């Protein structure tokens, strides 16, 4: 998908030295978490983005010309083992995650970062090694949701549990084995 770059971002990209920063917004159970790849905190969009530096890693963000689900993996290392239980409790399957790409100049954002990925949080993958651990969170595009079964059955009981006065399934059992002759 083509993206329009603001003039300050274009200047940063074309300069001899480019300082790139990734910003990640994760909607967790008690609160939204704001992280950035800088080794220091950044302020943008009315939020302070916690700098995780080399402790965080983002797999490649992919885009394809054909329709399909794409995934990005966020990895955080160096987490003390005693915090892993807390991490499992706050990570919400299906929560929203946003990834932005920005450019730095003298430790500050040049202008608003570019949205790079929007998706849903999948189940985390844990690698527990004493004294620190690694947690990986897969961010799936909303296209992945199209591949999941919706559940439910084509029965009167199931239909009425969703729509109380809908009687469309009442006649299914009557017409199920009926022989119809077309003329």
N, C-alpha and C. Protein backbone atom coordinates (compact mmCIF):
# COMPACT_ATOMS: atom_id res chain seq x y z
N UNK A 1 0.85 -1.16 0.00
CA UNK A 1 0.00 0.00 0.00
C UNK A 1 0.90 1.23 0.00
N UNK A 2 0.75 2.12 -0.98
CA UNK A 2 1.58 3.31 -1.00
C UNK A 2 1.24 4.24 0.16
N UNK A 3 2.24 4.90 0.68
CA UNK A 3 2.04 5.81 1.80
C UNK A 3 2.60 7.18 1.40
N UNK A 4 1.90 8.21 1.83
CA UNK A 4 2.38 9.56 1.60
C UNK A 4 3.24 9.99 2.78
N UNK A 5 4.44 10.43 2.50
CA UNK A 5 5.33 10.89 3.56
C UNK A 5 5.23 12.40 3.69
N UNK A 6 5.12 12.85 4.93
CA UNK A 6 5.15 14.28 5.19
C UNK A 6 6.54 14.81 4.80
N UNK A 7 6.62 16.06 4.45
CA UNK A 7 7.88 16.66 4.00
C UNK A 7 9.02 16.46 5.01
N UNK A 8 8.81 16.65 6.34
CA UNK A 8 9.93 16.39 7.26
C UNK A 8 10.40 14.94 7.24
N UNK A 9 9.48 13.99 7.05
CA UNK A 9 9.88 12.58 6.96
C UNK A 9 10.65 12.32 5.67
N UNK A 10 10.24 12.94 4.56
CA UNK A 10 10.97 12.79 3.31
C UNK A 10 12.39 13.30 3.45
N UNK A 11 12.54 14.45 4.10
CA UNK A 11 13.87 15.03 4.32
C UNK A 11 14.73 14.09 5.16
N UNK A 12 14.11 13.49 6.21
CA UNK A 12 14.86 12.57 7.07
C UNK A 12 15.31 11.34 6.29
N UNK A 13 14.45 10.81 5.44
CA UNK A 13 14.80 9.61 4.65
C UNK A 13 15.93 9.92 3.68
N UNK A 14 15.91 11.10 3.09
CA UNK A 14 16.92 11.46 2.08
C UNK A 14 18.22 11.97 2.69
N UNK A 15 18.26 12.19 3.99
CA UNK A 15 19.48 12.69 4.62
C UNK A 15 20.54 11.59 4.68
N UNK A 16 21.77 11.99 4.96
CA UNK A 16 22.88 11.03 4.97
C UNK A 16 22.74 10.04 6.12
N UNK A 17 22.29 10.50 7.28
CA UNK A 17 22.10 9.64 8.45
C UNK A 17 20.63 9.66 8.83
N UNK A 18 20.04 8.48 8.93
CA UNK A 18 18.63 8.36 9.29
C UNK A 18 18.52 7.62 10.61
N UNK A 19 17.85 8.23 11.57
CA UNK A 19 17.58 7.56 12.84
C UNK A 19 16.13 7.10 12.80
N UNK A 20 15.96 5.81 12.78
CA UNK A 20 14.64 5.20 12.68
C UNK A 20 14.17 4.77 14.07
N UNK A 21 12.88 4.94 14.33
CA UNK A 21 12.31 4.47 15.60
C UNK A 21 10.97 3.79 15.29
N UNK A 22 10.72 2.69 15.97
CA UNK A 22 9.44 1.98 15.87
C UNK A 22 8.65 2.25 17.14
N UNK A 23 7.37 2.55 16.98
CA UNK A 23 6.49 2.78 18.11
C UNK A 23 5.39 1.73 18.07
N UNK A 24 5.11 1.11 19.20
CA UNK A 24 4.13 0.03 19.28
C UNK A 24 3.12 0.36 20.37
N UNK A 25 1.84 0.32 19.99
CA UNK A 25 0.74 0.52 20.94
C UNK A 25 0.02 -0.82 21.08
N UNK A 26 -0.08 -1.32 22.32
CA UNK A 26 -0.72 -2.61 22.59
C UNK A 26 -1.85 -2.41 23.60
N UNK A 27 -3.06 -2.83 23.23
CA UNK A 27 -4.20 -2.75 24.15
C UNK A 27 -4.22 -4.01 25.00
N UNK A 28 -3.77 -3.88 26.25
CA UNK A 28 -3.77 -4.98 27.20
C UNK A 28 -4.96 -4.85 28.13
N UNK A 29 -5.14 -5.83 29.03
CA UNK A 29 -6.32 -5.90 29.89
C UNK A 29 -6.50 -4.66 30.77
N UNK A 30 -5.56 -4.31 31.63
CA UNK A 30 -5.85 -3.18 32.50
C UNK A 30 -5.60 -1.82 31.85
N UNK A 31 -4.70 -1.78 30.86
CA UNK A 31 -4.33 -0.50 30.27
C UNK A 31 -3.69 -0.71 28.91
N UNK A 32 -3.52 0.39 28.19
CA UNK A 32 -2.82 0.36 26.92
C UNK A 32 -1.34 0.62 27.19
N UNK A 33 -0.46 -0.16 26.54
CA UNK A 33 0.98 -0.05 26.73
C UNK A 33 1.57 0.62 25.49
N UNK A 34 2.45 1.59 25.72
CA UNK A 34 3.11 2.32 24.64
C UNK A 34 4.62 2.07 24.74
N UNK A 35 5.20 1.47 23.69
CA UNK A 35 6.62 1.13 23.67
C UNK A 35 7.27 1.72 22.43
N UNK A 36 8.56 2.00 22.51
CA UNK A 36 9.30 2.44 21.33
C UNK A 36 10.67 1.78 21.32
N UNK A 37 11.28 1.72 20.14
CA UNK A 37 12.57 1.03 19.99
C UNK A 37 13.75 1.90 20.38
N UNK A 38 13.51 3.13 20.76
CA UNK A 38 14.61 4.01 21.19
C UNK A 38 15.11 3.58 22.56
N UNK A 39 16.35 3.91 22.90
CA UNK A 39 16.86 3.58 24.23
C UNK A 39 16.43 4.60 25.30
N UNK A 40 15.50 5.45 24.94
CA UNK A 40 14.98 6.47 25.85
C UNK A 40 13.48 6.65 25.57
N UNK A 41 12.77 7.27 26.49
CA UNK A 41 11.34 7.50 26.32
C UNK A 41 11.09 8.62 25.31
N UNK A 42 9.99 8.49 24.56
CA UNK A 42 9.55 9.52 23.61
C UNK A 42 8.16 9.98 23.99
N UNK A 43 7.86 11.23 23.71
CA UNK A 43 6.50 11.75 23.90
C UNK A 43 5.92 12.06 22.54
N UNK A 44 4.77 11.45 22.25
CA UNK A 44 4.07 11.68 20.98
C UNK A 44 2.60 11.33 21.16
N UNK A 45 1.74 12.08 20.55
CA UNK A 45 0.31 11.80 20.59
C UNK A 45 -0.27 11.87 21.98
N UNK A 46 0.31 12.70 22.83
CA UNK A 46 -0.20 12.83 24.19
C UNK A 46 0.18 11.67 25.10
N UNK A 47 1.08 10.80 24.65
CA UNK A 47 1.49 9.63 25.43
C UNK A 47 3.01 9.59 25.56
N UNK A 48 3.48 9.01 26.63
CA UNK A 48 4.91 8.74 26.78
C UNK A 48 5.15 7.29 26.36
N UNK A 49 5.99 7.13 25.36
CA UNK A 49 6.30 5.81 24.81
C UNK A 49 7.57 5.32 25.48
N UNK A 50 7.47 4.21 26.21
CA UNK A 50 8.57 3.66 26.98
C UNK A 50 9.65 3.11 26.04
N UNK A 51 10.87 3.61 26.18
CA UNK A 51 11.97 3.15 25.35
C UNK A 51 12.51 1.81 25.83
N UNK A 52 12.45 0.79 24.98
CA UNK A 52 12.94 -0.53 25.35
C UNK A 52 14.29 -0.83 24.71
N UNK A 53 14.72 0.00 23.77
CA UNK A 53 16.03 -0.17 23.14
C UNK A 53 16.25 -1.55 22.57
N UNK A 54 17.39 -2.15 22.88
CA UNK A 54 17.78 -3.45 22.33
C UNK A 54 16.99 -4.61 22.93
N UNK A 55 16.17 -4.36 23.97
CA UNK A 55 15.38 -5.45 24.56
C UNK A 55 14.20 -5.85 23.68
N UNK A 56 13.79 -4.98 22.78
CA UNK A 56 12.65 -5.26 21.92
C UNK A 56 13.08 -5.55 20.49
N UNK A 57 12.26 -6.34 19.80
CA UNK A 57 12.55 -6.70 18.41
C UNK A 57 11.22 -6.84 17.67
N UNK A 58 11.18 -6.39 16.42
CA UNK A 58 9.99 -6.50 15.58
C UNK A 58 10.38 -7.25 14.33
N UNK A 59 9.62 -8.32 14.02
CA UNK A 59 9.90 -9.03 12.77
C UNK A 59 9.48 -8.14 11.61
N UNK A 60 9.85 -8.51 10.43
CA UNK A 60 9.51 -7.69 9.26
C UNK A 60 8.01 -7.51 9.08
N UNK A 61 7.63 -6.30 8.74
CA UNK A 61 6.24 -6.00 8.41
C UNK A 61 6.08 -6.26 6.93
N UNK A 62 5.17 -7.17 6.58
CA UNK A 62 5.02 -7.55 5.18
C UNK A 62 3.70 -7.06 4.63
N UNK A 63 3.72 -6.76 3.35
CA UNK A 63 2.52 -6.45 2.60
C UNK A 63 2.56 -7.26 1.33
N UNK A 64 1.41 -7.71 0.89
CA UNK A 64 1.37 -8.53 -0.32
C UNK A 64 0.32 -7.98 -1.27
N UNK A 65 0.50 -8.25 -2.55
CA UNK A 65 -0.46 -7.77 -3.53
C UNK A 65 -1.72 -8.61 -3.54
N UNK A 66 -1.62 -9.88 -3.12
CA UNK A 66 -2.81 -10.72 -3.05
C UNK A 66 -3.44 -10.61 -1.66
N UNK A 67 -4.73 -10.87 -1.60
CA UNK A 67 -5.46 -10.77 -0.35
C UNK A 67 -5.08 -11.96 0.54
N UNK A 68 -4.70 -11.67 1.77
CA UNK A 68 -4.34 -12.73 2.69
C UNK A 68 -3.91 -12.15 4.02
N UNK A 69 -3.86 -13.01 5.01
CA UNK A 69 -3.48 -12.58 6.35
C UNK A 69 -1.97 -12.45 6.46
N UNK A 70 -1.51 -11.35 7.01
CA UNK A 70 -0.09 -11.11 7.25
C UNK A 70 0.11 -11.00 8.76
N UNK A 71 1.27 -11.40 9.24
CA UNK A 71 1.53 -11.35 10.68
C UNK A 71 2.88 -10.69 10.94
N UNK A 72 2.96 -10.01 12.08
CA UNK A 72 4.19 -9.40 12.56
C UNK A 72 4.41 -9.91 13.98
N UNK A 73 5.65 -10.24 14.33
CA UNK A 73 5.95 -10.76 15.66
C UNK A 73 6.75 -9.73 16.44
N UNK A 74 6.25 -9.38 17.64
CA UNK A 74 6.94 -8.49 18.57
C UNK A 74 7.58 -9.36 19.64
N UNK A 75 8.87 -9.16 19.89
CA UNK A 75 9.59 -9.95 20.88
C UNK A 75 10.23 -9.03 21.90
N UNK A 76 10.08 -9.39 23.16
CA UNK A 76 10.69 -8.63 24.26
C UNK A 76 11.54 -9.60 25.06
N UNK A 77 12.83 -9.29 25.23
CA UNK A 77 13.75 -10.15 25.96
C UNK A 77 14.15 -9.50 27.27
N UNK A 78 14.77 -10.27 28.13
CA UNK A 78 15.28 -9.73 29.39
C UNK A 78 14.22 -9.50 30.44
N UNK A 79 13.09 -10.18 30.33
CA UNK A 79 12.02 -10.02 31.31
C UNK A 79 12.32 -10.93 32.49
N UNK A 80 12.34 -10.40 33.72
CA UNK A 80 12.54 -11.27 34.88
C UNK A 80 11.45 -12.34 34.95
N UNK A 81 11.85 -13.56 35.31
CA UNK A 81 10.92 -14.70 35.33
C UNK A 81 9.70 -14.44 36.21
N UNK A 82 9.86 -13.73 37.31
CA UNK A 82 8.74 -13.50 38.23
C UNK A 82 7.64 -12.63 37.61
N UNK A 83 7.93 -11.93 36.49
CA UNK A 83 6.92 -11.10 35.84
C UNK A 83 6.15 -11.84 34.75
N UNK A 84 6.55 -13.05 34.41
CA UNK A 84 5.91 -13.77 33.30
C UNK A 84 4.44 -14.10 33.60
N UNK A 85 4.13 -14.44 34.84
CA UNK A 85 2.73 -14.70 35.21
C UNK A 85 1.87 -13.46 35.03
N UNK A 86 2.41 -12.30 35.43
CA UNK A 86 1.69 -11.05 35.23
C UNK A 86 1.48 -10.76 33.75
N UNK A 87 2.51 -11.06 32.95
CA UNK A 87 2.40 -10.81 31.52
C UNK A 87 1.28 -11.64 30.90
N UNK A 88 1.16 -12.88 31.32
CA UNK A 88 0.10 -13.74 30.78
C UNK A 88 -1.29 -13.24 31.16
N UNK A 89 -1.43 -12.62 32.30
CA UNK A 89 -2.73 -12.14 32.75
C UNK A 89 -3.17 -10.88 32.02
N UNK A 90 -2.24 -10.04 31.59
CA UNK A 90 -2.62 -8.76 30.98
C UNK A 90 -2.73 -8.82 29.46
N UNK A 91 -2.06 -9.77 28.82
CA UNK A 91 -2.11 -9.85 27.37
C UNK A 91 -3.49 -10.37 26.96
N UNK A 92 -4.19 -9.58 26.16
CA UNK A 92 -5.56 -9.90 25.76
C UNK A 92 -5.56 -10.41 24.33
N UNK A 93 -5.98 -11.66 24.17
CA UNK A 93 -6.13 -12.23 22.83
C UNK A 93 -7.21 -11.43 22.10
N UNK A 94 -6.89 -10.93 20.93
CA UNK A 94 -7.86 -10.14 20.16
C UNK A 94 -7.78 -8.65 20.44
N UNK A 95 -6.88 -8.24 21.34
CA UNK A 95 -6.70 -6.81 21.59
C UNK A 95 -6.07 -6.14 20.38
N UNK A 96 -6.19 -4.84 20.29
CA UNK A 96 -5.68 -4.10 19.14
C UNK A 96 -4.21 -3.75 19.35
N UNK A 97 -3.44 -3.86 18.27
CA UNK A 97 -2.02 -3.47 18.29
C UNK A 97 -1.76 -2.58 17.08
N UNK A 98 -1.00 -1.52 17.29
CA UNK A 98 -0.63 -0.62 16.21
C UNK A 98 0.88 -0.43 16.20
N UNK A 99 1.45 -0.41 15.01
CA UNK A 99 2.88 -0.21 14.84
C UNK A 99 3.10 1.00 13.95
N UNK A 100 3.98 1.90 14.39
CA UNK A 100 4.30 3.12 13.65
C UNK A 100 5.80 3.17 13.39
N UNK A 101 6.18 3.82 12.29
CA UNK A 101 7.58 4.05 11.97
C UNK A 101 7.80 5.55 11.99
N UNK A 102 8.81 5.98 12.74
CA UNK A 102 9.12 7.40 12.83
C UNK A 102 10.60 7.64 12.62
N UNK A 103 10.94 8.91 12.48
CA UNK A 103 12.32 9.31 12.28
C UNK A 103 12.71 10.29 13.37
N UNK A 104 13.94 10.14 13.87
CA UNK A 104 14.43 10.97 14.96
C UNK A 104 15.48 11.97 14.47
N UNK A 105 15.48 13.12 15.12
CA UNK A 105 16.52 14.12 14.91
C UNK A 105 16.83 14.70 16.28
N UNK A 106 18.04 14.56 16.72
CA UNK A 106 18.48 15.05 18.04
C UNK A 106 17.60 14.50 19.16
N UNK A 107 17.22 13.22 19.04
CA UNK A 107 16.46 12.55 20.10
C UNK A 107 14.98 12.88 20.14
N UNK A 108 14.46 13.56 19.13
CA UNK A 108 13.03 13.89 19.08
C UNK A 108 12.46 13.48 17.73
N UNK A 109 11.17 13.20 17.70
CA UNK A 109 10.53 12.84 16.44
C UNK A 109 10.53 14.02 15.49
N UNK A 110 10.83 13.75 14.23
CA UNK A 110 10.84 14.80 13.20
C UNK A 110 9.43 15.32 12.98
N UNK A 111 8.48 14.42 12.84
CA UNK A 111 7.06 14.74 12.70
C UNK A 111 6.29 13.49 13.06
N UNK A 112 5.00 13.48 12.84
CA UNK A 112 4.18 12.33 13.20
C UNK A 112 4.68 11.06 12.50
N UNK A 113 4.78 9.97 13.26
CA UNK A 113 5.19 8.69 12.65
C UNK A 113 4.17 8.19 11.63
N UNK A 114 4.61 7.28 10.81
CA UNK A 114 3.80 6.70 9.75
C UNK A 114 3.17 5.41 10.25
N UNK A 115 1.84 5.23 10.14
CA UNK A 115 1.25 3.94 10.53
C UNK A 115 1.78 2.83 9.62
N UNK A 116 2.31 1.77 10.21
CA UNK A 116 2.90 0.68 9.44
C UNK A 116 2.08 -0.60 9.52
N UNK A 117 1.39 -0.81 10.64
CA UNK A 117 0.65 -2.07 10.80
C UNK A 117 -0.44 -1.87 11.85
N UNK A 118 -1.59 -2.43 11.58
CA UNK A 118 -2.69 -2.45 12.53
C UNK A 118 -3.19 -3.88 12.54
N UNK A 119 -3.31 -4.46 13.73
CA UNK A 119 -3.74 -5.85 13.79
C UNK A 119 -4.28 -6.21 15.15
N UNK A 120 -4.49 -7.50 15.32
CA UNK A 120 -5.04 -8.05 16.55
C UNK A 120 -3.99 -8.92 17.23
N UNK A 121 -3.96 -8.84 18.55
CA UNK A 121 -2.99 -9.60 19.33
C UNK A 121 -3.39 -11.07 19.37
N UNK A 122 -2.45 -11.95 19.04
CA UNK A 122 -2.67 -13.39 19.12
C UNK A 122 -2.06 -13.88 20.44
N UNK A 123 -2.24 -15.14 20.74
CA UNK A 123 -1.72 -15.72 21.98
C UNK A 123 -0.20 -15.55 22.06
N UNK A 124 0.33 -15.22 23.24
CA UNK A 124 1.78 -15.01 23.37
C UNK A 124 2.54 -16.34 23.40
N UNK A 125 3.81 -16.26 23.01
CA UNK A 125 4.71 -17.40 23.04
C UNK A 125 5.79 -17.07 24.07
N UNK A 126 5.96 -17.94 25.07
CA UNK A 126 6.90 -17.68 26.16
C UNK A 126 8.10 -18.61 26.07
N UNK A 127 9.27 -18.05 26.39
CA UNK A 127 10.50 -18.83 26.50
C UNK A 127 11.10 -18.47 27.85
N UNK A 128 10.91 -19.35 28.82
CA UNK A 128 11.32 -19.06 30.19
C UNK A 128 12.68 -19.69 30.47
N UNK A 129 13.67 -18.85 30.65
CA UNK A 129 15.02 -19.27 31.05
C UNK A 129 15.42 -18.42 32.24
N UNK A 130 15.94 -19.07 33.28
CA UNK A 130 16.37 -18.31 34.46
C UNK A 130 17.64 -17.55 34.10
N UNK A 131 17.87 -16.37 34.53
CA UNK A 131 17.03 -15.51 35.36
C UNK A 131 16.07 -14.62 34.55
N UNK A 132 16.24 -14.57 33.19
CA UNK A 132 15.35 -13.74 32.39
C UNK A 132 14.64 -14.58 31.34
N UNK A 133 13.59 -14.01 30.76
CA UNK A 133 12.77 -14.73 29.80
C UNK A 133 12.48 -13.88 28.58
N UNK A 134 11.87 -14.52 27.58
CA UNK A 134 11.49 -13.85 26.35
C UNK A 134 10.00 -14.09 26.11
N UNK A 135 9.31 -13.05 25.66
CA UNK A 135 7.90 -13.18 25.31
C UNK A 135 7.72 -12.66 23.90
N UNK A 136 7.01 -13.42 23.07
CA UNK A 136 6.74 -13.02 21.69
C UNK A 136 5.24 -12.93 21.50
N UNK A 137 4.80 -11.85 20.90
CA UNK A 137 3.38 -11.63 20.63
C UNK A 137 3.22 -11.49 19.12
N UNK A 138 2.35 -12.30 18.55
CA UNK A 138 2.08 -12.21 17.12
C UNK A 138 0.92 -11.24 16.91
N UNK A 139 1.13 -10.32 15.99
CA UNK A 139 0.09 -9.37 15.62
C UNK A 139 -0.43 -9.81 14.26
N UNK A 140 -1.67 -10.24 14.23
CA UNK A 140 -2.28 -10.72 13.00
C UNK A 140 -3.12 -9.62 12.37
N UNK A 141 -3.11 -9.57 11.05
CA UNK A 141 -3.99 -8.62 10.37
C UNK A 141 -5.43 -9.08 10.57
N UNK A 142 -6.35 -8.17 10.36
CA UNK A 142 -7.76 -8.51 10.54
C UNK A 142 -8.23 -9.56 9.53
N UNK A 143 -7.46 -9.77 8.47
CA UNK A 143 -7.80 -10.79 7.47
C UNK A 143 -7.73 -12.19 8.08
N UNK A 144 -6.91 -12.38 9.09
CA UNK A 144 -6.79 -13.69 9.73
C UNK A 144 -8.11 -14.10 10.38
N UNK A 145 -8.90 -13.12 10.79
CA UNK A 145 -10.18 -13.41 11.42
C UNK A 145 -11.16 -14.04 10.43
N UNK A 146 -10.98 -13.79 9.15
CA UNK A 146 -11.88 -14.38 8.14
C UNK A 146 -11.70 -15.88 8.01
N UNK A 147 -10.57 -16.41 8.46
CA UNK A 147 -10.28 -17.83 8.34
C UNK A 147 -10.81 -18.63 9.53
N UNK A 148 -11.36 -17.95 10.54
CA UNK A 148 -11.84 -18.65 11.74
C UNK A 148 -13.31 -19.01 11.60
N UNK A 149 -13.66 -20.17 12.13
CA UNK A 149 -15.06 -20.59 12.13
C UNK A 149 -15.87 -19.67 13.03
N UNK A 150 -17.08 -19.40 12.65
CA UNK A 150 -17.94 -18.49 13.39
C UNK A 150 -18.72 -19.18 14.50
N UNK A 151 -18.89 -20.47 14.41
CA UNK A 151 -19.67 -21.17 15.43
C UNK A 151 -21.16 -21.01 15.17
N UNK A 152 -21.94 -21.69 15.97
CA UNK A 152 -23.38 -21.63 15.80
C UNK A 152 -23.87 -22.69 14.82
N UNK A 153 -25.17 -22.93 14.87
CA UNK A 153 -25.78 -23.94 14.00
C UNK A 153 -27.03 -23.36 13.36
N UNK A 154 -27.46 -23.97 12.31
CA UNK A 154 -28.66 -23.53 11.62
C UNK A 154 -29.85 -24.27 12.22
N UNK A 155 -30.17 -23.93 13.48
CA UNK A 155 -31.29 -24.54 14.19
C UNK A 155 -32.15 -23.44 14.79
N UNK A 156 -33.38 -23.78 15.10
CA UNK A 156 -34.30 -22.82 15.70
C UNK A 156 -33.76 -22.33 17.04
N UNK A 157 -33.27 -23.24 17.85
CA UNK A 157 -32.76 -22.90 19.17
C UNK A 157 -31.60 -21.91 19.07
N UNK A 158 -30.64 -22.18 18.20
CA UNK A 158 -29.50 -21.29 18.07
C UNK A 158 -29.91 -19.93 17.49
N UNK A 159 -30.79 -19.93 16.51
CA UNK A 159 -31.24 -18.68 15.91
C UNK A 159 -32.00 -17.82 16.93
N UNK A 160 -32.84 -18.45 17.72
CA UNK A 160 -33.62 -17.70 18.72
C UNK A 160 -32.74 -17.23 19.88
N UNK A 161 -31.61 -17.88 20.14
CA UNK A 161 -30.71 -17.40 21.19
C UNK A 161 -30.06 -16.08 20.77
N UNK A 162 -29.97 -15.85 19.47
CA UNK A 162 -29.37 -14.61 18.97
C UNK A 162 -30.42 -13.57 18.63
N UNK A 163 -31.53 -14.01 18.03
CA UNK A 163 -32.61 -13.11 17.61
C UNK A 163 -33.92 -13.72 18.10
N UNK A 164 -34.41 -13.22 19.20
CA UNK A 164 -35.53 -13.83 19.93
C UNK A 164 -36.76 -14.11 19.07
N UNK A 165 -37.14 -13.21 18.21
CA UNK A 165 -38.40 -13.36 17.47
C UNK A 165 -38.21 -13.83 16.03
N UNK A 166 -37.03 -14.28 15.67
CA UNK A 166 -36.76 -14.74 14.31
C UNK A 166 -37.18 -16.21 14.19
N UNK A 167 -38.12 -16.48 13.30
CA UNK A 167 -38.65 -17.83 13.14
C UNK A 167 -38.21 -18.47 11.82
N UNK A 168 -37.16 -17.96 11.21
CA UNK A 168 -36.76 -18.46 9.89
C UNK A 168 -36.35 -19.93 9.90
N UNK A 169 -35.85 -20.43 11.02
CA UNK A 169 -35.39 -21.82 11.07
C UNK A 169 -36.49 -22.79 11.48
N UNK A 170 -37.66 -22.31 11.80
CA UNK A 170 -38.74 -23.18 12.25
C UNK A 170 -39.18 -24.19 11.20
N UNK A 171 -39.08 -23.83 9.93
CA UNK A 171 -39.59 -24.73 8.88
C UNK A 171 -38.50 -25.62 8.27
N UNK A 172 -37.28 -25.50 8.71
CA UNK A 172 -36.20 -26.29 8.12
C UNK A 172 -36.44 -27.78 8.29
N UNK A 173 -36.86 -28.20 9.47
CA UNK A 173 -37.09 -29.64 9.67
C UNK A 173 -38.25 -30.14 8.81
N UNK A 174 -39.20 -29.28 8.50
CA UNK A 174 -40.34 -29.70 7.68
C UNK A 174 -39.96 -29.85 6.21
N UNK A 175 -39.05 -29.05 5.72
CA UNK A 175 -38.70 -29.10 4.30
C UNK A 175 -37.41 -29.88 4.02
N UNK A 176 -36.79 -30.39 5.07
CA UNK A 176 -35.49 -31.02 4.93
C UNK A 176 -35.51 -32.20 3.96
N UNK A 177 -36.45 -33.12 4.09
CA UNK A 177 -36.50 -34.31 3.23
C UNK A 177 -37.66 -34.26 2.25
N UNK A 178 -38.16 -33.10 1.98
CA UNK A 178 -39.31 -32.95 1.09
C UNK A 178 -38.85 -33.09 -0.36
N UNK A 179 -39.60 -33.83 -1.14
CA UNK A 179 -39.32 -34.01 -2.55
C UNK A 179 -40.05 -32.93 -3.34
N UNK A 180 -39.31 -32.18 -4.09
CA UNK A 180 -39.90 -31.11 -4.90
C UNK A 180 -39.71 -31.45 -6.36
N UNK A 181 -40.79 -31.29 -7.12
CA UNK A 181 -40.74 -31.55 -8.56
C UNK A 181 -40.79 -30.21 -9.28
N UNK A 182 -39.79 -29.97 -10.10
CA UNK A 182 -39.72 -28.73 -10.86
C UNK A 182 -40.30 -28.96 -12.25
N UNK A 183 -41.14 -28.06 -12.68
CA UNK A 183 -41.73 -28.21 -14.03
C UNK A 183 -41.45 -27.01 -14.88
